[in-house]
Amino acid sequence: MSFERKRFGDRPSGGSGFGGQRRDFGPREMHKAVCSDCGKETEVPFKPSGDRPVYCKECFMKRRKY
């Protein structure tokens, strides 16, 4: 019996546990915001609280750390 089978049994991989498939929760409610970097109006999938910066897609990608 393999380690994986001993550890996880006969459960199907994917959809459950870590590294599984992403769930589809349907369309998300988008909220308007102004990018803290360039000032462009953008939409984000969360309601900005005002205490943290919000970035448009382009500025977010520039600031993203790998």
Protein backbone atom coordinates (compact mmCIF):
# COMPACT_ATOMS: atom_id res chain seq x y z
CA MET A 1 0.00 0.00 0.00
CA SER A 2 1.41 3.40 -0.95
CA PHE A 3 2.01 6.20 1.53
CA GLU A 4 -0.64 8.34 -0.16
CA ARG A 5 -3.27 5.62 0.12
CA LYS A 6 -2.40 4.94 3.78
CA ARG A 7 -2.55 8.61 4.63
CA PHE A 8 -5.62 9.61 2.63
CA GLY A 9 -7.45 6.32 2.12
CA ASP A 10 -9.52 5.87 -1.00
CA ARG A 11 -10.74 9.45 -1.13
CA PRO A 12 -10.70 10.92 -4.61
CA SER A 13 -8.10 13.60 -5.11
CA GLY A 14 -9.24 17.04 -6.18
CA GLY A 15 -12.13 19.08 -4.91
CA SER A 16 -11.35 18.43 -1.26
CA GLY A 17 -8.40 19.06 0.98
CA PHE A 18 -5.39 21.10 0.07
CA GLY A 19 -4.48 21.77 -3.53
CA GLY A 20 -7.86 20.65 -4.78
CA GLN A 21 -9.94 22.19 -7.47
CA ARG A 22 -11.23 25.70 -7.01
CA ARG A 23 -14.89 25.97 -6.07
CA ASP A 24 -17.19 28.02 -8.25
CA PHE A 25 -19.23 30.33 -6.05
CA GLY A 26 -20.82 32.11 -9.00
CA PRO A 27 -20.48 35.77 -9.90
CA ARG A 28 -18.99 38.01 -7.25
CA GLU A 29 -20.31 41.39 -6.27
CA MET A 30 -17.85 44.03 -7.45
CA HIS A 31 -17.24 47.35 -5.68
CA LYS A 32 -15.93 50.58 -7.18
CA ALA A 33 -12.64 51.91 -5.81
CA VAL A 34 -9.88 54.33 -6.77
CA CYS A 35 -6.38 52.90 -7.20
CA SER A 36 -4.05 54.13 -4.46
CA ASP A 37 -1.13 54.20 -6.91
CA CYS A 38 -2.33 55.69 -10.20
CA GLY A 39 -5.73 57.15 -9.20
CA LYS A 40 -7.64 55.20 -11.87
CA GLU A 41 -11.17 54.05 -11.04
CA THR A 42 -11.34 50.27 -10.75
CA GLU A 43 -13.59 47.50 -9.44
CA VAL A 44 -12.60 45.01 -6.77
CA PRO A 45 -14.33 41.85 -5.44
CA PHE A 46 -14.42 43.19 -1.85
CA LYS A 47 -15.74 46.29 -0.14
CA PRO A 48 -12.78 48.59 0.54
CA SER A 49 -12.66 49.63 4.18
CA GLY A 50 -10.47 52.68 3.61
CA ASP A 51 -7.72 51.68 6.05
CA ARG A 52 -5.68 49.74 3.45
CA PRO A 53 -4.60 50.68 -0.07
CA VAL A 54 -6.51 49.34 -3.07
CA TYR A 55 -4.80 48.85 -6.43
CA CYS A 56 -6.04 48.42 -9.99
CA LYS A 57 -5.02 45.25 -11.79
CA GLU A 58 -2.00 46.85 -13.48
CA CYS A 59 -0.63 48.45 -10.29
CA PHE A 60 -1.31 45.29 -8.29
CA MET A 61 0.75 43.26 -10.76
CA LYS A 62 3.61 45.80 -10.57
CA ARG A 63 3.65 45.64 -6.76
CA ARG A 64 3.16 41.87 -6.45
CA LYS A 65 6.03 39.96 -4.88
CA TYR A 66 6.89 36.51 -6.17
